């Protein structure tokens, strides 16, 4: 994602980055895209002079919500551009199958480690990251998502807010100790849904402990299309056919404006400016891309 790199200056060692959003916005897809890109860059760098060379570092994904198999399926679907339900059902033609096999081989070569331990504790995650840093070298840690983590064994925070605070402070400490960027996904509460403008704001994190203070960067992912789809005009809500048709036409025009569009809101950034950038999002393959390169 060239546009994101340009805005953030890439991933910085020792940083804790938070990617937050409501369910259905594409947090996992975007984090996977970032992890895949980082792993691909490590492989390319290692094989620049020797095609058989092994990368000196790896990318670790701690997937607390999805299994490693589900995440791998997502990656395959995104890179091969084959709908994941077609892959699961085995409904793939010869051409798609050849592409699927080629993409599978490419992903297998990537220095990408997936740990799908559910409800992993902070101390267990720290131990595994230290081991990876020592044995494989570590370039990036991704956590999906932090509300599913548990604090270190033996600690008993008084409430959930303190628990989340302990986790984010622990993740920042891991980033600093290992000098590795940590990208942690965060779920936002339903409070966002009660507003007219559902774009997330930093204040939406206030109830989630000290996320905002601990993070070096906070990004929100938002898709207008997701909410507009839920507002499809229903004929029974109008007292005349003409009013219904007018509303339907307006809705269709609005949908066209936001189709395959996502907003990435950079709400906090220690190393650079805040702001917003538009991304391409292809729901069929849960795939993000820069707007001007999505066709490639």
C-alpha atoms as a PDB file:
ATOM      1  CA  UNK A   1       0.000   0.000   0.000  1.00  0.00           C
ATOM      2  CA  UNK A   2       2.113   2.821  -1.365  1.00  0.00           C
ATOM      3  CA  UNK A   3      -0.242   5.617  -0.234  1.00  0.00           C
ATOM      4  CA  UNK A   4      -0.199   4.375   3.371  1.00  0.00           C
ATOM      5  CA  UNK A   5       3.611   4.117   3.352  1.00  0.00           C
ATOM      6  CA  UNK A   6       3.832   7.679   2.026  1.00  0.00           C
ATOM      7  CA  UNK A   7       1.576   8.978   4.825  1.00  0.00           C
ATOM      8  CA  UNK A   8       3.280   7.091   7.653  1.00  0.00           C
ATOM      9  CA  UNK A   9       6.841   6.752   6.378  1.00  0.00           C
ATOM     10  CA  UNK A  10       6.509   2.964   6.660  1.00  0.00           C
ATOM     11  CA  UNK A  11       6.711   0.834   9.798  1.00  0.00           C
ATOM     12  CA  UNK A  12       9.013   2.098  12.563  1.00  0.00           C
ATOM     13  CA  UNK A  13      10.769  -0.230  15.016  1.00  0.00           C
ATOM     14  CA  UNK A  14       9.568   0.056  18.653  1.00  0.00           C
ATOM     15  CA  UNK A  15       6.206   1.548  17.602  1.00  0.00           C
ATOM     16  CA  UNK A  16       2.786   0.375  18.758  1.00  0.00           C
ATOM     17  CA  UNK A  17       0.266   0.946  15.977  1.00  0.00           C
ATOM     18  CA  UNK A  18      -3.456   0.539  16.570  1.00  0.00           C
ATOM     19  CA  UNK A  19      -5.834  -0.267  13.708  1.00  0.00           C
ATOM     20  CA  UNK A  20      -9.395   0.094  14.988  1.00  0.00           C
ATOM     21  CA  UNK A  21     -12.880  -0.163  13.550  1.00  0.00           C
ATOM     22  CA  UNK A  22     -16.320  -1.675  13.896  1.00  0.00           C
ATOM     23  CA  UNK A  23     -16.939  -5.289  12.782  1.00  0.00           C
ATOM     24  CA  UNK A  24     -17.267  -5.682   9.016  1.00  0.00           C
ATOM     25  CA  UNK A  25     -14.964  -2.775   8.129  1.00  0.00           C
ATOM     26  CA  UNK A  26     -12.045  -4.974   7.027  1.00  0.00           C
ATOM     27  CA  UNK A  27      -9.547  -4.685   9.906  1.00  0.00           C
ATOM     28  CA  UNK A  28      -8.220  -8.222   9.504  1.00  0.00           C
ATOM     29  CA  UNK A  29      -8.008  -7.873   5.714  1.00  0.00           C
ATOM     30  CA  UNK A  30      -5.999  -4.648   5.966  1.00  0.00           C
ATOM     31  CA  UNK A  31      -3.681  -6.011   8.675  1.00  0.00           C
ATOM     32  CA  UNK A  32      -3.126  -9.161   6.598  1.00  0.00           C
ATOM     33  CA  UNK A  33      -2.318  -7.000   3.571  1.00  0.00           C
ATOM     34  CA  UNK A  34       0.282  -5.068   5.597  1.00  0.00           C
ATOM     35  CA  UNK A  35       1.786  -8.297   7.016  1.00  0.00           C
ATOM     36  CA  UNK A  36       1.883  -9.944   3.578  1.00  0.00           C
ATOM     37  CA  UNK A  37       3.591  -6.879   2.082  1.00  0.00           C
ATOM     38  CA  UNK A  38       6.198  -6.818   4.864  1.00  0.00           C
ATOM     39  CA  UNK A  39       6.915 -10.562   4.465  1.00  0.00           C
ATOM     40  CA  UNK A  40       7.171 -10.195   0.669  1.00  0.00           C
ATOM     41  CA  UNK A  41       9.649  -7.314   1.101  1.00  0.00           C
ATOM     42  CA  UNK A  42      11.792  -9.459   3.447  1.00  0.00           C
ATOM     43  CA  UNK A  43      11.842 -12.306   0.907  1.00  0.00           C
ATOM     44  CA  UNK A  44      12.665  -9.986  -2.014  1.00  0.00           C
ATOM     45  CA  UNK A  45      15.504  -8.395  -0.063  1.00  0.00           C
ATOM     46  CA  UNK A  46      16.983 -11.770   0.909  1.00  0.00           C
ATOM     47  CA  UNK A  47      16.816 -13.134  -2.645  1.00  0.00           C
ATOM     48  CA  UNK A  48      18.074 -10.031  -4.430  1.00  0.00           C
ATOM     49  CA  UNK A  49      21.513 -11.590  -4.942  1.00  0.00           C
ATOM     50  CA  UNK A  50      20.799 -15.248  -4.222  1.00  0.00           C
ATOM     51  CA  UNK A  51      17.390 -16.702  -5.294  1.00  0.00           C
ATOM     52  CA  UNK A  52      17.745 -19.508  -2.730  1.00  0.00           C
ATOM     53  CA  UNK A  53      18.609 -17.304   0.238  1.00  0.00           C
ATOM     54  CA  UNK A  54      16.394 -17.404   3.321  1.00  0.00           C
ATOM     55  CA  UNK A  55      15.049 -14.141   4.804  1.00  0.00           C
ATOM     56  CA  UNK A  56      16.856 -13.004   7.958  1.00  0.00           C
ATOM     57  CA  UNK A  57      13.615 -11.967   9.662  1.00  0.00           C
ATOM     58  CA  UNK A  58       9.963 -12.992   9.730  1.00  0.00           C
ATOM     59  CA  UNK A  59       6.515 -11.494  10.330  1.00  0.00           C
ATOM     60  CA  UNK A  60       4.447 -12.939  13.200  1.00  0.00           C
ATOM     61  CA  UNK A  61       0.651 -12.859  13.168  1.00  0.00           C
ATOM     62  CA  UNK A  62      -1.176 -13.721  16.380  1.00  0.00           C
ATOM     63  CA  UNK A  63      -4.690 -14.504  15.183  1.00  0.00           C
ATOM     64  CA  UNK A  64      -6.962 -14.781  18.213  1.00  0.00           C
ATOM     65  CA  UNK A  65     -10.238 -14.629  16.273  1.00  0.00           C
ATOM     66  CA  UNK A  66      -9.609 -16.716  13.143  1.00  0.00           C
ATOM     67  CA  UNK A  67      -7.805 -20.047  12.866  1.00  0.00           C
ATOM     68  CA  UNK A  68      -4.529 -20.255  10.938  1.00  0.00           C
ATOM     69  CA  UNK A  69      -6.416 -22.217   8.267  1.00  0.00           C
ATOM     70  CA  UNK A  70      -9.077 -19.489   7.893  1.00  0.00           C
ATOM     71  CA  UNK A  71      -6.418 -16.789   7.699  1.00  0.00           C
ATOM     72  CA  UNK A  72      -4.443 -18.740   5.086  1.00  0.00           C
ATOM     73  CA  UNK A  73      -7.666 -19.159   3.091  1.00  0.00           C
ATOM     74  CA  UNK A  74      -8.183 -15.395   3.195  1.00  0.00           C
ATOM     75  CA  UNK A  75      -4.651 -14.795   1.970  1.00  0.00           C
ATOM     76  CA  UNK A  76      -5.103 -17.288  -0.858  1.00  0.00           C
ATOM     77  CA  UNK A  77      -8.440 -15.766  -1.856  1.00  0.00           C
ATOM     78  CA  UNK A  78      -7.021 -12.248  -1.862  1.00  0.00           C
ATOM     79  CA  UNK A  79      -3.843 -13.054  -3.793  1.00  0.00           C
ATOM     80  CA  UNK A  80      -5.418 -15.506  -6.274  1.00  0.00           C
ATOM     81  CA  UNK A  81      -8.603 -13.409  -6.569  1.00  0.00           C
ATOM     82  CA  UNK A  82     -10.828 -16.423  -6.112  1.00  0.00           C
ATOM     83  CA  UNK A  83     -13.775 -16.144  -3.691  1.00  0.00           C
ATOM     84  CA  UNK A  84     -12.993 -18.077  -0.500  1.00  0.00           C
ATOM     85  CA  UNK A  85     -16.357 -19.903  -0.521  1.00  0.00           C
ATOM     86  CA  UNK A  86     -15.511 -21.235  -4.025  1.00  0.00           C
ATOM     87  CA  UNK A  87     -12.156 -22.468  -2.714  1.00  0.00           C
ATOM     88  CA  UNK A  88     -13.888 -24.191   0.237  1.00  0.00           C
ATOM     89  CA  UNK A  89     -16.450 -25.860  -2.026  1.00  0.00           C
ATOM     90  CA  UNK A  90     -13.812 -26.880  -4.576  1.00  0.00           C
ATOM     91  CA  UNK A  91     -15.571 -24.952  -7.355  1.00  0.00           C
ATOM     92  CA  UNK A  92     -12.404 -23.960  -9.215  1.00  0.00           C
ATOM     93  CA  UNK A  93     -11.804 -24.292 -12.957  1.00  0.00           C
ATOM     94  CA  UNK A  94      -8.488 -25.423 -14.465  1.00  0.00           C
ATOM     95  CA  UNK A  95      -7.151 -21.893 -15.000  1.00  0.00           C
ATOM     96  CA  UNK A  96      -8.118 -20.814 -11.477  1.00  0.00           C
ATOM     97  CA  UNK A  97      -6.626 -24.021 -10.070  1.00  0.00           C
ATOM     98  CA  UNK A  98      -3.247 -23.373 -11.720  1.00  0.00           C
ATOM     99  CA  UNK A  99      -3.303 -19.825 -10.362  1.00  0.00           C
ATOM    100  CA  UNK A 100      -4.324 -21.153  -6.919  1.00  0.00           C
ATOM    101  CA  UNK A 101      -1.383 -23.606  -6.857  1.00  0.00           C
ATOM    102  CA  UNK A 102       1.088 -20.905  -7.938  1.00  0.00           C
ATOM    103  CA  UNK A 103      -0.165 -18.469  -5.275  1.00  0.00           C
ATOM    104  CA  UNK A 104      -0.050 -21.257  -2.624  1.00  0.00           C
ATOM    105  CA  UNK A 105       3.605 -21.896  -3.444  1.00  0.00           C
ATOM    106  CA  UNK A 106       4.384 -18.187  -3.283  1.00  0.00           C
ATOM    107  CA  UNK A 107       2.724 -17.809   0.127  1.00  0.00           C
ATOM    108  CA  UNK A 108       4.513 -20.912   1.435  1.00  0.00           C
ATOM    109  CA  UNK A 109       7.871 -19.282   0.706  1.00  0.00           C
ATOM    110  CA  UNK A 110       7.024 -16.163   2.689  1.00  0.00           C
ATOM    111  CA  UNK A 111       8.584 -15.658   6.145  1.00  0.00           C
ATOM    112  CA  UNK A 112       5.132 -15.516   7.729  1.00  0.00           C
ATOM    113  CA  UNK A 113       4.405 -17.188  11.072  1.00  0.00           C
ATOM    114  CA  UNK A 114       0.770 -17.589  12.189  1.00  0.00           C
ATOM    115  CA  UNK A 115      -0.057 -18.391  15.824  1.00  0.00           C
ATOM    116  CA  UNK A 116      -3.781 -18.957  16.390  1.00  0.00           C
ATOM    117  CA  UNK A 117      -3.728 -19.628  20.141  1.00  0.00           C
ATOM    118  CA  UNK A 118      -7.098 -18.317  21.421  1.00  0.00           C
ATOM    119  CA  UNK A 119      -7.136 -15.891  24.375  1.00  0.00           C
ATOM    120  CA  UNK A 120      -3.331 -15.818  24.548  1.00  0.00           C
ATOM    121  CA  UNK A 121      -1.912 -14.077  27.616  1.00  0.00           C
ATOM    122  CA  UNK A 122       0.424 -11.115  27.390  1.00  0.00           C
ATOM    123  CA  UNK A 123       3.244 -13.099  29.033  1.00  0.00           C
ATOM    124  CA  UNK A 124       2.832 -16.030  26.593  1.00  0.00           C
ATOM    125  CA  UNK A 125       2.869 -13.648  23.629  1.00  0.00           C
ATOM    126  CA  UNK A 126       6.002 -11.932  24.974  1.00  0.00           C
ATOM    127  CA  UNK A 127       7.759 -15.303  25.406  1.00  0.00           C
ATOM    128  CA  UNK A 128       6.906 -16.408  21.854  1.00  0.00           C
ATOM    129  CA  UNK A 129       8.000 -13.093  20.343  1.00  0.00           C
ATOM    130  CA  UNK A 130      11.308 -13.219  22.220  1.00  0.00           C
ATOM    131  CA  UNK A 131      11.897 -16.751  20.960  1.00  0.00           C
ATOM    132  CA  UNK A 132      11.093 -15.759  17.373  1.00  0.00           C
ATOM    133  CA  UNK A 133      13.356 -12.713  17.606  1.00  0.00           C
ATOM    134  CA  UNK A 134      16.177 -14.941  18.856  1.00  0.00           C
ATOM    135  CA  UNK A 135      15.719 -17.867  16.444  1.00  0.00           C
ATOM    136  CA  UNK A 136      14.288 -16.319  13.278  1.00  0.00           C
ATOM    137  CA  UNK A 137      14.642 -12.569  13.612  1.00  0.00           C
ATOM    138  CA  UNK A 138      11.456 -10.528  13.858  1.00  0.00           C
ATOM    139  CA  UNK A 139      10.420  -7.631  11.598  1.00  0.00           C
ATOM    140  CA  UNK A 140       6.740  -7.129  12.518  1.00  0.00           C
ATOM    141  CA  UNK A 141       4.192  -8.409  15.051  1.00  0.00           C
ATOM    142  CA  UNK A 142       0.459  -8.334  14.210  1.00  0.00           C
ATOM    143  CA  UNK A 143      -2.253  -9.028  16.813  1.00  0.00           C
ATOM    144  CA  UNK A 144      -5.866  -9.684  15.783  1.00  0.00           C
ATOM    145  CA  UNK A 145      -7.294  -8.431  18.039  1.00  0.00           C
ATOM    146  CA  UNK A 146      -6.208  -7.047  21.412  1.00  0.00           C
ATOM    147  CA  UNK A 147      -9.588  -7.278  23.221  1.00  0.00           C
ATOM    148  CA  UNK A 148      -9.341 -11.080  22.864  1.00  0.00           C
ATOM    149  CA  UNK A 149      -6.019 -11.163  24.719  1.00  0.00           C
ATOM    150  CA  UNK A 150      -5.735 -11.798  28.436  1.00  0.00           C
ATOM    151  CA  UNK A 151      -3.383  -9.986  30.828  1.00  0.00           C
ATOM    152  CA  UNK A 152      -0.341 -11.804  32.155  1.00  0.00           C
ATOM    153  CA  UNK A 153      -1.013 -14.828  34.338  1.00  0.00           C
ATOM    154  CA  UNK A 154      -1.115 -13.984  38.033  1.00  0.00           C
ATOM    155  CA  UNK A 155      -2.349 -10.420  37.532  1.00  0.00           C
ATOM    156  CA  UNK A 156      -5.948  -9.500  38.270  1.00  0.00           C
ATOM    157  CA  UNK A 157      -6.942  -6.030  37.093  1.00  0.00           C
ATOM    158  CA  UNK A 158     -10.020  -4.637  38.857  1.00  0.00           C
ATOM    159  CA  UNK A 159     -12.004  -4.133  35.659  1.00  0.00           C
ATOM    160  CA  UNK A 160     -11.946  -4.539  31.888  1.00  0.00           C
ATOM    161  CA  UNK A 161     -10.642  -1.004  31.266  1.00  0.00           C
ATOM    162  CA  UNK A 162      -7.585  -1.634  33.471  1.00  0.00           C
ATOM    163  CA  UNK A 163      -7.149  -5.028  31.811  1.00  0.00           C
ATOM    164  CA  UNK A 164      -6.998  -3.467  28.316  1.00  0.00           C
ATOM    165  CA  UNK A 165      -4.610  -0.787  29.634  1.00  0.00           C
ATOM    166  CA  UNK A 166      -2.289  -3.470  30.984  1.00  0.00           C
ATOM    167  CA  UNK A 167      -2.354  -5.261  27.621  1.00  0.00           C
ATOM    168  CA  UNK A 168      -1.601  -2.166  25.511  1.00  0.00           C
ATOM    169  CA  UNK A 169       1.178  -1.069  27.884  1.00  0.00           C
ATOM    170  CA  UNK A 170       2.597  -4.598  27.659  1.00  0.00           C
ATOM    171  CA  UNK A 171       2.467  -4.549  23.842  1.00  0.00           C
ATOM    172  CA  UNK A 172       4.291  -1.205  23.781  1.00  0.00           C
ATOM    173  CA  UNK A 173       6.932  -2.682  26.110  1.00  0.00           C
ATOM    174  CA  UNK A 174       7.391  -5.668  23.737  1.00  0.00           C
ATOM    175  CA  UNK A 175       7.809  -3.293  20.770  1.00  0.00           C
ATOM    176  CA  UNK A 176      10.473  -1.301  22.665  1.00  0.00           C
ATOM    177  CA  UNK A 177      12.312  -4.349  24.009  1.00  0.00           C
ATOM    178  CA  UNK A 178      12.529  -6.126  20.640  1.00  0.00           C
ATOM    179  CA  UNK A 179      12.763  -2.898  18.579  1.00  0.00           C
ATOM    180  CA  UNK A 180       9.983  -4.266  16.368  1.00  0.00           C
ATOM    181  CA  UNK A 181       6.753  -2.538  15.278  1.00  0.00           C
ATOM    182  CA  UNK A 182       3.590  -4.042  16.786  1.00  0.00           C
ATOM    183  CA  UNK A 183       0.338  -3.641  14.842  1.00  0.00           C
ATOM    184  CA  UNK A 184      -2.606  -4.388  17.143  1.00  0.00           C
ATOM    185  CA  UNK A 185      -6.197  -4.477  15.933  1.00  0.00           C
ATOM    186  CA  UNK A 186      -8.896  -3.063  18.181  1.00  0.00           C
ATOM    187  CA  UNK A 187     -12.655  -3.503  18.138  1.00  0.00           C
ATOM    188  CA  UNK A 188     -14.739  -0.356  18.634  1.00  0.00           C
ATOM    189  CA  UNK A 189     -17.882  -0.306  20.770  1.00  0.00           C
ATOM    190  CA  UNK A 190     -21.455   0.013  19.469  1.00  0.00           C
ATOM    191  CA  UNK A 191     -21.501   3.668  20.559  1.00  0.00           C
ATOM    192  CA  UNK A 192     -20.200   4.543  17.070  1.00  0.00           C
ATOM    193  CA  UNK A 193     -23.433   3.213  15.543  1.00  0.00           C
ATOM    194  CA  UNK A 194     -25.604   5.700  17.449  1.00  0.00           C
ATOM    195  CA  UNK A 195     -24.113   8.722  15.646  1.00  0.00           C
ATOM    196  CA  UNK A 196     -25.254  10.148  12.321  1.00  0.00           C
ATOM    197  CA  UNK A 197     -21.637  10.279  11.102  1.00  0.00           C
ATOM    198  CA  UNK A 198     -20.267   6.842  11.933  1.00  0.00           C
ATOM    199  CA  UNK A 199     -16.638   7.664  11.168  1.00  0.00           C
ATOM    200  CA  UNK A 200     -14.611   6.608  14.223  1.00  0.00           C
ATOM    201  CA  UNK A 201     -12.878   9.237  16.363  1.00  0.00           C
ATOM    202  CA  UNK A 202     -10.152   9.083  19.002  1.00  0.00           C
ATOM    203  CA  UNK A 203     -12.823   9.638  21.663  1.00  0.00           C
ATOM    204  CA  UNK A 204     -14.253   6.203  20.723  1.00  0.00           C
ATOM    205  CA  UNK A 205     -11.133   4.660  22.273  1.00  0.00           C
ATOM    206  CA  UNK A 206     -11.507   6.475  25.605  1.00  0.00           C
ATOM    207  CA  UNK A 207     -13.500   3.628  27.155  1.00  0.00           C
ATOM    208  CA  UNK A 208     -10.840   1.134  26.076  1.00  0.00           C
ATOM    209  CA  UNK A 209      -8.212   1.854  28.699  1.00  0.00           C
ATOM    210  CA  UNK A 210      -5.075   3.718  27.679  1.00  0.00           C
ATOM    211  CA  UNK A 211      -4.967   2.657  24.017  1.00  0.00           C
ATOM    212  CA  UNK A 212      -4.806   6.233  22.751  1.00  0.00           C
ATOM    213  CA  UNK A 213      -1.992   7.248  25.122  1.00  0.00           C
ATOM    214  CA  UNK A 214       0.086   4.071  24.644  1.00  0.00           C
ATOM    215  CA  UNK A 215      -0.109   4.014  20.841  1.00  0.00           C
ATOM    216  CA  UNK A 216       2.398   5.784  18.607  1.00  0.00           C
ATOM    217  CA  UNK A 217      -0.160   5.747  15.801  1.00  0.00           C
ATOM    218  CA  UNK A 218      -3.919   5.198  15.717  1.00  0.00           C
ATOM    219  CA  UNK A 219      -5.680   4.360  12.454  1.00  0.00           C
ATOM    220  CA  UNK A 220      -9.392   3.827  11.886  1.00  0.00           C
ATOM    221  CA  UNK A 221     -10.844   1.925   8.952  1.00  0.00           C
ATOM    222  CA  UNK A 222     -14.258   3.053   7.741  1.00  0.00           C
ATOM    223  CA  UNK A 223     -16.473   2.082   4.783  1.00  0.00           C
ATOM    224  CA  UNK A 224     -19.548   4.147   3.884  1.00  0.00           C
ATOM    225  CA  UNK A 225     -20.699   1.331   1.601  1.00  0.00           C
ATOM    226  CA  UNK A 226     -21.171  -1.008   4.586  1.00  0.00           C
ATOM    227  CA  UNK A 227     -23.692   1.346   6.226  1.00  0.00           C
ATOM    228  CA  UNK A 228     -25.413   2.406   3.003  1.00  0.00           C
ATOM    229  CA  UNK A 229     -26.124  -1.239   2.157  1.00  0.00           C
ATOM    230  CA  UNK A 230     -28.187  -1.423   5.347  1.00  0.00           C
ATOM    231  CA  UNK A 231     -30.281   1.567   4.254  1.00  0.00           C
ATOM    232  CA  UNK A 232     -31.728   0.115   1.046  1.00  0.00           C
ATOM    233  CA  UNK A 233     -35.093   1.901   0.557  1.00  0.00           C
ATOM    234  CA  UNK A 234     -38.119  -0.344   1.164  1.00  0.00           C
ATOM    235  CA  UNK A 235     -41.303   0.389  -0.801  1.00  0.00           C
ATOM    236  CA  UNK A 236     -43.552   0.007   2.236  1.00  0.00           C
ATOM    237  CA  UNK A 237     -41.891   3.053   3.813  1.00  0.00           C
ATOM    238  CA  UNK A 238     -43.233   5.441   1.140  1.00  0.00           C
ATOM    239  CA  UNK A 239     -46.759   6.699   0.470  1.00  0.00           C
ATOM    240  CA  UNK A 240     -46.279   6.886  -3.307  1.00  0.00           C
ATOM    241  CA  UNK A 241     -44.433   4.965  -6.009  1.00  0.00           C
ATOM    242  CA  UNK A 242     -42.722   8.161  -7.207  1.00  0.00           C
ATOM    243  CA  UNK A 243     -41.255   8.953  -3.784  1.00  0.00           C
ATOM    244  CA  UNK A 244     -39.972   5.391  -3.518  1.00  0.00           C
ATOM    245  CA  UNK A 245     -38.364   5.568  -6.991  1.00  0.00           C
ATOM    246  CA  UNK A 246     -36.747   8.933  -6.157  1.00  0.00           C
ATOM    247  CA  UNK A 247     -35.340   7.550  -2.906  1.00  0.00           C
ATOM    248  CA  UNK A 248     -34.127   4.401  -4.671  1.00  0.00           C
ATOM    249  CA  UNK A 249     -32.409   6.440  -7.388  1.00  0.00           C
ATOM    250  CA  UNK A 250     -30.681   8.648  -4.794  1.00  0.00           C
ATOM    251  CA  UNK A 251     -29.578   5.571  -2.843  1.00  0.00           C
ATOM    252  CA  UNK A 252     -28.197   3.937  -6.008  1.00  0.00           C
ATOM    253  CA  UNK A 253     -26.269   7.116  -6.865  1.00  0.00           C
ATOM    254  CA  UNK A 254     -24.863   7.268  -3.327  1.00  0.00           C
ATOM    255  CA  UNK A 255     -23.852   3.591  -3.546  1.00  0.00           C
ATOM    256  CA  UNK A 256     -22.037   4.207  -6.835  1.00  0.00           C
ATOM    257  CA  UNK A 257     -20.050   7.021  -5.191  1.00  0.00           C
ATOM    258  CA  UNK A 258     -18.739   4.789  -2.401  1.00  0.00           C
ATOM    259  CA  UNK A 259     -18.634   1.377  -4.134  1.00  0.00           C
ATOM    260  CA  UNK A 260     -15.313  -0.418  -3.434  1.00  0.00           C
ATOM    261  CA  UNK A 261     -14.094   2.576  -1.410  1.00  0.00           C
ATOM    262  CA  UNK A 262     -12.620   2.586   2.093  1.00  0.00           C
ATOM    263  CA  UNK A 263     -11.302   5.413   4.240  1.00  0.00           C
ATOM    264  CA  UNK A 264      -8.241   5.010   6.417  1.00  0.00           C
ATOM    265  CA  UNK A 265      -8.289   7.746   9.041  1.00  0.00           C
ATOM    266  CA  UNK A 266      -4.883   8.534  10.584  1.00  0.00           C
ATOM    267  CA  UNK A 267      -6.150   9.961  13.870  1.00  0.00           C
ATOM    268  CA  UNK A 268      -2.821   9.984  15.708  1.00  0.00           C
ATOM    269  CA  UNK A 269       0.728   9.746  14.447  1.00  0.00           C
ATOM    270  CA  UNK A 270       3.800  10.515  16.523  1.00  0.00           C
ATOM    271  CA  UNK A 271       6.118  10.626  13.507  1.00  0.00           C
ATOM    272  CA  UNK A 272       4.008  12.551  11.037  1.00  0.00           C
ATOM    273  CA  UNK A 273       0.777  14.308  10.105  1.00  0.00           C
ATOM    274  CA  UNK A 274      -2.722  13.064  10.759  1.00  0.00           C
ATOM    275  CA  UNK A 275      -5.299  12.954   7.972  1.00  0.00           C
ATOM    276  CA  UNK A 276      -7.243  10.578   5.769  1.00  0.00           C
ATOM    277  CA  UNK A 277      -6.526   8.488   2.716  1.00  0.00           C
ATOM    278  CA  UNK A 278      -8.851   6.625   0.388  1.00  0.00           C
ATOM    279  CA  UNK A 279      -8.218   2.972  -0.425  1.00  0.00           C
ATOM    280  CA  UNK A 280      -9.751   0.505  -2.849  1.00  0.00           C
ATOM    281  CA  UNK A 281     -11.611  -2.371  -1.170  1.00  0.00           C
ATOM    282  CA  UNK A 282     -12.845  -5.431  -3.050  1.00  0.00           C
ATOM    283  CA  UNK A 283     -15.323  -7.172  -0.747  1.00  0.00           C
ATOM    284  CA  UNK A 284     -15.464 -10.434  -2.756  1.00  0.00           C
ATOM    285  CA  UNK A 285     -11.787 -11.104  -1.972  1.00  0.00           C
ATOM    286  CA  UNK A 286     -11.526  -8.925   1.186  1.00  0.00           C
ATOM    287  CA  UNK A 287      -8.744  -7.144  -0.677  1.00  0.00           C
ATOM    288  CA  UNK A 288      -7.322  -3.664  -0.129  1.00  0.00           C
ATOM    289  CA  UNK A 289      -5.203  -1.784  -2.672  1.00  0.00           C
ATOM    290  CA  UNK A 290      -4.121   1.730  -3.612  1.00  0.00           C
ATOM    291  CA  UNK A 291      -6.884   3.411  -5.623  1.00  0.00           C
ATOM    292  CA  UNK A 292      -4.780   3.830  -8.760  1.00  0.00           C
ATOM    293  CA  UNK A 293      -3.316   0.310  -8.792  1.00  0.00           C
ATOM    294  CA  UNK A 294      -6.318  -1.882  -7.892  1.00  0.00           C
ATOM    295  CA  UNK A 295      -6.636  -3.137 -11.462  1.00  0.00           C
ATOM    296  CA  UNK A 296      -3.099  -4.547 -11.540  1.00  0.00           C
END
